[in-house]
Amino acid sequence: MRNKGEELKDLTLLGSGPRARPSRKLEAFPNRHPGRYYRVVLETDEFTCLCPKTGQPDFAHITIEYVPDQKIVESKSLKLYFWSYRDEGVFHEHVVNRILDDLVAVLDPHWCRVTGKFNVRGGIAITVVAEHTRTPEARQAVLG
């Protein structure tokens, strides 16, 4: 079993209490099962950003699926990361791809997919799916 202090040493946002603020800093902790392909699924229906042209709010259900290698994303840092988009004007396609890129940069997962299902606005619903595959065997193991 790994030293608990070692697992927590890089987590600065966890336990930061009610003074927590939006942040683009994603944090991770060590995966205790790096030799196993397993899927982690994280979801929120509280994602918001702004239309880059009109400034009107856009709401989305974001689903993150990934097969970790050495690291696992810490969920509070992910919550604060999502919160950081609340006042940003960004196109749906760009934000989903940016989320994927940021997760891949922090985690270097075997496989990762980010899906953004944006609420209908102007009569059109937009769903964006972005995927990264480093280890095809991992993708096959979790998706069949």
N, C-alpha and C. Protein backbone atom coordinates (compact mmCIF):
# COMPACT_ATOMS: atom_id res chain seq x y z
N MET A 1 0.84 -1.18 0.00
CA MET A 1 0.00 0.00 0.00
C MET A 1 0.89 1.24 0.00
N ARG A 2 0.53 2.22 -0.79
CA ARG A 2 1.30 3.46 -0.89
C ARG A 2 1.07 4.35 0.32
N ASN A 3 2.03 5.21 0.56
CA ASN A 3 1.95 6.18 1.64
C ASN A 3 0.86 7.20 1.33
N LYS A 4 -0.10 7.34 2.24
CA LYS A 4 -1.22 8.26 2.03
C LYS A 4 -0.74 9.70 1.87
N GLY A 5 0.26 10.09 2.65
CA GLY A 5 0.81 11.44 2.53
C GLY A 5 1.39 11.70 1.15
N GLU A 6 2.01 10.70 0.58
CA GLU A 6 2.57 10.81 -0.77
C GLU A 6 1.47 11.03 -1.80
N GLU A 7 0.33 10.36 -1.63
CA GLU A 7 -0.80 10.51 -2.56
C GLU A 7 -1.42 11.90 -2.47
N LEU A 8 -1.37 12.52 -1.31
CA LEU A 8 -2.03 13.80 -1.10
C LEU A 8 -1.13 15.01 -1.29
N LYS A 9 0.16 14.81 -1.44
CA LYS A 9 1.12 15.92 -1.41
C LYS A 9 0.91 16.97 -2.50
N ASP A 10 0.41 16.59 -3.66
CA ASP A 10 0.23 17.54 -4.76
C ASP A 10 -1.18 18.12 -4.84
N LEU A 11 -2.05 17.76 -3.91
CA LEU A 11 -3.44 18.22 -3.95
C LEU A 11 -3.59 19.46 -3.09
N THR A 12 -3.59 20.61 -3.73
CA THR A 12 -3.66 21.89 -3.02
C THR A 12 -5.09 22.42 -2.92
N LEU A 13 -5.99 21.96 -3.80
CA LEU A 13 -7.35 22.48 -3.82
C LEU A 13 -8.30 21.68 -2.94
N LEU A 14 -8.01 20.40 -2.74
CA LEU A 14 -8.85 19.55 -1.92
C LEU A 14 -8.80 20.04 -0.48
N GLY A 15 -9.98 20.26 0.11
CA GLY A 15 -10.03 20.73 1.49
C GLY A 15 -9.81 22.22 1.64
N SER A 16 -9.86 22.96 0.53
CA SER A 16 -9.61 24.40 0.60
C SER A 16 -10.82 25.17 1.11
N GLY A 17 -11.88 24.47 1.43
CA GLY A 17 -13.02 25.08 2.10
C GLY A 17 -13.85 26.03 1.26
N PRO A 18 -14.66 26.84 1.94
CA PRO A 18 -15.60 27.71 1.24
C PRO A 18 -14.93 28.86 0.48
N ARG A 19 -13.65 29.07 0.68
CA ARG A 19 -12.94 30.14 -0.02
C ARG A 19 -12.44 29.70 -1.40
N ALA A 20 -12.78 28.50 -1.79
CA ALA A 20 -12.33 28.00 -3.09
C ALA A 20 -12.84 28.92 -4.20
N ARG A 21 -12.04 29.10 -5.20
CA ARG A 21 -12.36 29.97 -6.33
C ARG A 21 -12.19 29.20 -7.63
N PRO A 22 -12.83 29.69 -8.70
CA PRO A 22 -12.63 29.04 -10.00
C PRO A 22 -11.15 28.97 -10.35
N SER A 23 -10.75 27.87 -10.97
CA SER A 23 -9.34 27.67 -11.29
C SER A 23 -9.20 26.77 -12.50
N ARG A 24 -8.22 27.04 -13.33
CA ARG A 24 -7.92 26.16 -14.47
C ARG A 24 -6.88 25.10 -14.09
N LYS A 25 -6.58 25.00 -12.81
CA LYS A 25 -5.58 24.04 -12.34
C LYS A 25 -6.25 22.70 -12.05
N LEU A 26 -5.99 21.73 -12.90
CA LEU A 26 -6.47 20.37 -12.65
C LEU A 26 -5.41 19.63 -11.84
N GLU A 27 -5.85 18.95 -10.80
CA GLU A 27 -4.92 18.20 -9.97
C GLU A 27 -5.21 16.71 -10.09
N ALA A 28 -4.19 15.89 -9.81
CA ALA A 28 -4.33 14.45 -9.93
C ALA A 28 -3.61 13.77 -8.78
N PHE A 29 -4.02 12.54 -8.53
CA PHE A 29 -3.36 11.72 -7.52
C PHE A 29 -2.98 10.39 -8.16
N PRO A 30 -2.06 9.64 -7.54
CA PRO A 30 -1.58 8.40 -8.15
C PRO A 30 -2.66 7.33 -8.26
N ASN A 31 -2.64 6.60 -9.35
CA ASN A 31 -3.52 5.47 -9.59
C ASN A 31 -2.91 4.24 -8.92
N ARG A 32 -3.61 3.63 -8.01
CA ARG A 32 -3.11 2.44 -7.33
C ARG A 32 -3.25 1.17 -8.17
N HIS A 33 -3.90 1.27 -9.34
CA HIS A 33 -4.12 0.09 -10.18
C HIS A 33 -3.73 0.37 -11.63
N PRO A 34 -2.49 0.83 -11.86
CA PRO A 34 -2.10 1.21 -13.23
C PRO A 34 -2.01 0.04 -14.20
N GLY A 35 -1.96 -1.18 -13.72
CA GLY A 35 -1.87 -2.33 -14.60
C GLY A 35 -3.21 -2.85 -15.07
N ARG A 36 -4.30 -2.19 -14.67
CA ARG A 36 -5.65 -2.62 -15.01
C ARG A 36 -6.33 -1.57 -15.87
N TYR A 37 -6.96 -2.00 -16.95
CA TYR A 37 -7.76 -1.08 -17.75
C TYR A 37 -9.15 -0.99 -17.13
N TYR A 38 -9.49 0.17 -16.60
CA TYR A 38 -10.82 0.40 -16.07
C TYR A 38 -11.24 1.81 -16.43
N ARG A 39 -12.53 2.02 -16.50
CA ARG A 39 -13.06 3.30 -16.95
C ARG A 39 -13.58 4.11 -15.78
N VAL A 40 -13.19 5.38 -15.76
CA VAL A 40 -13.69 6.35 -14.79
C VAL A 40 -14.65 7.26 -15.55
N VAL A 41 -15.84 7.49 -14.99
CA VAL A 41 -16.84 8.36 -15.62
C VAL A 41 -17.19 9.47 -14.65
N LEU A 42 -17.06 10.71 -15.12
CA LEU A 42 -17.39 11.89 -14.33
C LEU A 42 -18.44 12.68 -15.11
N GLU A 43 -19.49 13.14 -14.43
CA GLU A 43 -20.56 13.86 -15.12
C GLU A 43 -21.01 15.07 -14.32
N THR A 44 -21.41 16.09 -15.04
CA THR A 44 -22.07 17.23 -14.42
C THR A 44 -23.11 17.77 -15.38
N ASP A 45 -24.21 18.23 -14.82
CA ASP A 45 -25.22 18.91 -15.64
C ASP A 45 -25.26 20.38 -15.26
N GLU A 46 -24.20 20.84 -14.61
CA GLU A 46 -24.13 22.23 -14.15
C GLU A 46 -23.08 23.05 -14.89
N PHE A 47 -22.61 22.58 -16.03
CA PHE A 47 -21.59 23.32 -16.77
C PHE A 47 -22.22 24.52 -17.46
N THR A 48 -21.60 25.67 -17.31
CA THR A 48 -22.05 26.87 -18.01
C THR A 48 -20.87 27.61 -18.59
N CYS A 49 -21.12 28.24 -19.71
CA CYS A 49 -20.17 29.16 -20.34
C CYS A 49 -21.04 30.22 -21.05
N LEU A 50 -20.40 31.11 -21.77
CA LEU A 50 -21.14 32.17 -22.45
C LEU A 50 -20.96 32.07 -23.95
N CYS A 51 -21.97 32.49 -24.69
CA CYS A 51 -21.84 32.63 -26.14
C CYS A 51 -20.78 33.71 -26.39
N PRO A 52 -19.78 33.43 -27.23
CA PRO A 52 -18.72 34.42 -27.45
C PRO A 52 -19.19 35.67 -28.19
N LYS A 53 -20.33 35.60 -28.85
CA LYS A 53 -20.85 36.75 -29.60
C LYS A 53 -21.85 37.57 -28.78
N THR A 54 -22.84 36.88 -28.19
CA THR A 54 -23.93 37.59 -27.52
C THR A 54 -23.74 37.72 -26.01
N GLY A 55 -22.89 36.87 -25.43
CA GLY A 55 -22.71 36.86 -23.99
C GLY A 55 -23.82 36.14 -23.24
N GLN A 56 -24.76 35.54 -23.98
CA GLN A 56 -25.84 34.80 -23.34
C GLN A 56 -25.30 33.49 -22.78
N PRO A 57 -25.87 33.01 -21.67
CA PRO A 57 -25.36 31.79 -21.06
C PRO A 57 -25.72 30.54 -21.87
N ASP A 58 -24.81 29.61 -21.88
CA ASP A 58 -25.02 28.29 -22.47
C ASP A 58 -24.86 27.27 -21.35
N PHE A 59 -25.74 26.27 -21.34
CA PHE A 59 -25.73 25.25 -20.30
C PHE A 59 -25.49 23.89 -20.96
N ALA A 60 -24.72 23.04 -20.27
CA ALA A 60 -24.41 21.74 -20.86
C ALA A 60 -24.29 20.66 -19.81
N HIS A 61 -24.51 19.44 -20.28
CA HIS A 61 -24.21 18.23 -19.51
C HIS A 61 -22.86 17.74 -20.06
N ILE A 62 -21.86 17.71 -19.21
CA ILE A 62 -20.53 17.26 -19.63
C ILE A 62 -20.26 15.89 -19.03
N THR A 63 -19.83 14.96 -19.88
CA THR A 63 -19.43 13.63 -19.43
C THR A 63 -17.97 13.42 -19.82
N ILE A 64 -17.18 13.02 -18.84
CA ILE A 64 -15.78 12.67 -19.07
C ILE A 64 -15.64 11.18 -18.78
N GLU A 65 -15.08 10.45 -19.72
CA GLU A 65 -14.77 9.04 -19.54
C GLU A 65 -13.30 8.87 -19.83
N TYR A 66 -12.60 8.12 -18.98
CA TYR A 66 -11.20 7.87 -19.28
C TYR A 66 -10.70 6.58 -18.64
N VAL A 67 -9.64 6.04 -19.21
CA VAL A 67 -8.93 4.90 -18.65
C VAL A 67 -7.62 5.45 -18.12
N PRO A 68 -7.48 5.51 -16.80
CA PRO A 68 -6.27 6.10 -16.24
C PRO A 68 -5.04 5.22 -16.46
N ASP A 69 -3.89 5.87 -16.47
CA ASP A 69 -2.63 5.15 -16.45
C ASP A 69 -2.02 5.36 -15.07
N GLN A 70 -1.19 6.37 -14.90
CA GLN A 70 -0.52 6.61 -13.62
C GLN A 70 -1.27 7.58 -12.71
N LYS A 71 -2.20 8.38 -13.28
CA LYS A 71 -2.85 9.42 -12.50
C LYS A 71 -4.37 9.40 -12.66
N ILE A 72 -5.05 9.91 -11.61
CA ILE A 72 -6.50 10.04 -11.59
C ILE A 72 -6.82 11.49 -11.25
N VAL A 73 -7.77 12.08 -11.96
CA VAL A 73 -8.12 13.49 -11.71
C VAL A 73 -8.85 13.61 -10.37
N GLU A 74 -8.50 14.62 -9.62
CA GLU A 74 -9.14 14.90 -8.33
C GLU A 74 -10.41 15.69 -8.62
N SER A 75 -11.54 15.24 -8.09
CA SER A 75 -12.85 15.77 -8.50
C SER A 75 -13.10 17.21 -8.07
N LYS A 76 -12.59 17.66 -6.93
CA LYS A 76 -12.82 19.05 -6.54
C LYS A 76 -12.10 19.99 -7.50
N SER A 77 -10.89 19.62 -7.91
CA SER A 77 -10.18 20.48 -8.87
C SER A 77 -10.95 20.53 -10.19
N LEU A 78 -11.59 19.42 -10.56
CA LEU A 78 -12.41 19.40 -11.78
C LEU A 78 -13.61 20.32 -11.63
N LYS A 79 -14.24 20.32 -10.47
CA LYS A 79 -15.39 21.20 -10.21
C LYS A 79 -14.97 22.67 -10.35
N LEU A 80 -13.84 23.03 -9.75
CA LEU A 80 -13.35 24.41 -9.84
C LEU A 80 -12.93 24.76 -11.27
N TYR A 81 -12.41 23.77 -11.98
CA TYR A 81 -12.04 23.95 -13.39
C TYR A 81 -13.30 24.26 -14.21
N PHE A 82 -14.35 23.47 -14.04
CA PHE A 82 -15.61 23.74 -14.76
C PHE A 82 -16.13 25.13 -14.41
N TRP A 83 -16.07 25.49 -13.16
CA TRP A 83 -16.55 26.78 -12.69
C TRP A 83 -15.81 27.92 -13.39
N SER A 84 -14.57 27.72 -13.76
CA SER A 84 -13.78 28.78 -14.39
C SER A 84 -14.30 29.17 -15.77
N TYR A 85 -15.14 28.35 -16.36
CA TYR A 85 -15.71 28.66 -17.68
C TYR A 85 -16.99 29.50 -17.58
N ARG A 86 -17.53 29.67 -16.40
CA ARG A 86 -18.83 30.31 -16.22
C ARG A 86 -18.93 31.68 -16.89
N ASP A 87 -17.88 32.47 -16.85
CA ASP A 87 -17.91 33.82 -17.42
C ASP A 87 -17.08 33.95 -18.70
N GLU A 88 -16.77 32.82 -19.31
CA GLU A 88 -15.94 32.85 -20.53
C GLU A 88 -16.80 32.66 -21.77
N GLY A 89 -16.56 33.50 -22.76
CA GLY A 89 -17.22 33.34 -24.05
C GLY A 89 -16.44 32.35 -24.89
N VAL A 90 -17.09 31.24 -25.24
CA VAL A 90 -16.39 30.19 -25.98
C VAL A 90 -17.40 29.36 -26.77
N PHE A 91 -17.01 28.96 -27.97
CA PHE A 91 -17.85 28.08 -28.78
C PHE A 91 -17.85 26.68 -28.18
N HIS A 92 -18.96 25.98 -28.32
CA HIS A 92 -19.12 24.65 -27.73
C HIS A 92 -18.03 23.69 -28.21
N GLU A 93 -17.75 23.71 -29.49
CA GLU A 93 -16.76 22.80 -30.05
C GLU A 93 -15.38 23.04 -29.44
N HIS A 94 -15.05 24.31 -29.24
CA HIS A 94 -13.73 24.65 -28.69
C HIS A 94 -13.61 24.26 -27.22
N VAL A 95 -14.65 24.48 -26.43
CA VAL A 95 -14.55 24.21 -25.00
C VAL A 95 -14.44 22.71 -24.74
N VAL A 96 -15.16 21.89 -25.47
CA VAL A 96 -15.07 20.44 -25.28
C VAL A 96 -13.66 19.96 -25.64
N ASN A 97 -13.11 20.45 -26.73
CA ASN A 97 -11.76 20.05 -27.11
C ASN A 97 -10.71 20.57 -26.13
N ARG A 98 -10.92 21.75 -25.58
CA ARG A 98 -9.98 22.30 -24.60
C ARG A 98 -10.01 21.47 -23.31
N ILE A 99 -11.20 21.07 -22.88
CA ILE A 99 -11.31 20.22 -21.69
C ILE A 99 -10.54 18.92 -21.92
N LEU A 100 -10.73 18.31 -23.08
CA LEU A 100 -10.01 17.08 -23.40
C LEU A 100 -8.50 17.32 -23.37
N ASP A 101 -8.04 18.37 -24.03
CA ASP A 101 -6.60 18.66 -24.07
C ASP A 101 -6.02 18.87 -22.67
N ASP A 102 -6.76 19.58 -21.82
CA ASP A 102 -6.27 19.84 -20.46
C ASP A 102 -6.21 18.56 -19.64
N LEU A 103 -7.21 17.70 -19.78
CA LEU A 103 -7.19 16.42 -19.07
C LEU A 103 -6.04 15.54 -19.53
N VAL A 104 -5.84 15.47 -20.83
CA VAL A 104 -4.75 14.65 -21.37
C VAL A 104 -3.40 15.18 -20.90
N ALA A 105 -3.24 16.50 -20.84
CA ALA A 105 -1.98 17.09 -20.39
C ALA A 105 -1.67 16.73 -18.93
N VAL A 106 -2.69 16.66 -18.09
CA VAL A 106 -2.48 16.37 -16.66
C VAL A 106 -2.39 14.87 -16.39
N LEU A 107 -3.22 14.08 -17.07
CA LEU A 107 -3.35 12.66 -16.75
C LEU A 107 -2.54 11.72 -17.62
N ASP A 108 -2.29 12.08 -18.88
CA ASP A 108 -1.70 11.17 -19.86
C ASP A 108 -2.40 9.81 -19.80
N PRO A 109 -3.74 9.80 -19.97
CA PRO A 109 -4.50 8.56 -19.82
C PRO A 109 -4.30 7.64 -21.03
N HIS A 110 -4.67 6.37 -20.82
CA HIS A 110 -4.66 5.44 -21.95
C HIS A 110 -5.67 5.89 -23.00
N TRP A 111 -6.82 6.36 -22.51
CA TRP A 111 -7.91 6.77 -23.40
C TRP A 111 -8.78 7.78 -22.66
N CYS A 112 -9.33 8.74 -23.38
CA CYS A 112 -10.21 9.73 -22.77
C CYS A 112 -11.21 10.24 -23.80
N ARG A 113 -12.45 10.42 -23.35
CA ARG A 113 -13.49 11.01 -24.21
C ARG A 113 -14.26 12.04 -23.39
N VAL A 114 -14.49 13.20 -23.99
CA VAL A 114 -15.30 14.25 -23.37
C VAL A 114 -16.50 14.50 -24.28
N THR A 115 -17.69 14.45 -23.68
CA THR A 115 -18.92 14.71 -24.42
C THR A 115 -19.61 15.91 -23.78
N GLY A 116 -19.94 16.88 -24.60
CA GLY A 116 -20.70 18.04 -24.15
C GLY A 116 -22.04 18.06 -24.86
N LYS A 117 -23.13 17.92 -24.09
CA LYS A 117 -24.49 18.01 -24.65
C LYS A 117 -25.05 19.35 -24.20
N PHE A 118 -25.07 20.30 -25.12
CA PHE A 118 -25.50 21.66 -24.81
C PHE A 118 -27.00 21.79 -25.00
N ASN A 119 -27.61 22.54 -24.09
CA ASN A 119 -29.06 22.75 -24.15
C ASN A 119 -29.45 23.47 -25.43
N VAL A 120 -30.68 23.25 -25.83
CA VAL A 120 -31.21 23.88 -27.03
C VAL A 120 -31.22 25.40 -26.84
N ARG A 121 -30.71 26.08 -27.86
CA ARG A 121 -30.80 27.55 -27.90
C ARG A 121 -30.96 27.91 -29.37
N GLY A 122 -31.93 28.74 -29.66
CA GLY A 122 -32.19 29.07 -31.06
C GLY A 122 -32.73 27.89 -31.85
N GLY A 123 -33.32 26.92 -31.15
CA GLY A 123 -33.93 25.78 -31.82
C GLY A 123 -32.96 24.66 -32.16
N ILE A 124 -31.69 24.79 -31.78
CA ILE A 124 -30.69 23.78 -32.14
C ILE A 124 -29.96 23.30 -30.88
N ALA A 125 -29.90 21.98 -30.73
CA ALA A 125 -29.09 21.38 -29.66
C ALA A 125 -27.76 20.95 -30.28
N ILE A 126 -26.69 21.16 -29.57
CA ILE A 126 -25.37 20.78 -30.07
C ILE A 126 -24.75 19.78 -29.10
N THR A 127 -24.27 18.66 -29.64
CA THR A 127 -23.50 17.69 -28.88
C THR A 127 -22.13 17.59 -29.53
N VAL A 128 -21.10 17.72 -28.71
CA VAL A 128 -19.72 17.64 -29.20
C VAL A 128 -19.03 16.50 -28.47
N VAL A 129 -18.37 15.63 -29.22
CA VAL A 129 -17.64 14.50 -28.66
C VAL A 129 -16.20 14.59 -29.15
N ALA A 130 -15.26 14.64 -28.20
CA ALA A 130 -13.83 14.68 -28.54
C ALA A 130 -13.15 13.52 -27.82
N GLU A 131 -12.24 12.85 -28.52
CA GLU A 131 -11.63 11.64 -27.98
C GLU A 131 -10.13 11.63 -28.21
N HIS A 132 -9.42 11.04 -27.24
CA HIS A 132 -7.97 10.84 -27.32
C HIS A 132 -7.70 9.37 -27.03
N THR A 133 -6.90 8.72 -27.88
CA THR A 133 -6.51 7.33 -27.64
C THR A 133 -5.00 7.22 -27.71
N ARG A 134 -4.38 6.85 -26.59
CA ARG A 134 -2.94 6.56 -26.56
C ARG A 134 -2.71 5.05 -26.64
N THR A 135 -3.62 4.27 -26.01
CA THR A 135 -3.48 2.82 -25.95
C THR A 135 -4.76 2.19 -26.51
N PRO A 136 -4.74 1.79 -27.79
CA PRO A 136 -5.95 1.22 -28.39
C PRO A 136 -6.52 0.02 -27.62
N GLU A 137 -5.66 -0.76 -26.99
CA GLU A 137 -6.12 -1.93 -26.22
C GLU A 137 -6.99 -1.51 -25.04
N ALA A 138 -6.64 -0.40 -24.43
CA ALA A 138 -7.44 0.11 -23.30
C ALA A 138 -8.81 0.55 -23.79
N ARG A 139 -8.85 1.24 -24.91
CA ARG A 139 -10.12 1.68 -25.47
C ARG A 139 -11.01 0.48 -25.77
N GLN A 140 -10.42 -0.53 -26.39
CA GLN A 140 -11.17 -1.75 -26.72
C GLN A 140 -11.66 -2.46 -25.46
N ALA A 141 -10.84 -2.48 -24.43
CA ALA A 141 -11.21 -3.18 -23.19
C ALA A 141 -12.42 -2.56 -22.52
N VAL A 142 -12.54 -1.24 -22.54
CA VAL A 142 -13.66 -0.60 -21.83
C VAL A 142 -14.87 -0.35 -22.72
N LEU A 143 -14.67 -0.30 -24.01
CA LEU A 143 -15.80 -0.02 -24.90
C LEU A 143 -16.31 -1.26 -25.62
N GLY A 144 -15.49 -2.31 -25.63
CA GLY A 144 -15.90 -3.57 -26.26
C GLY A 144 -15.75 -3.62 -27.74
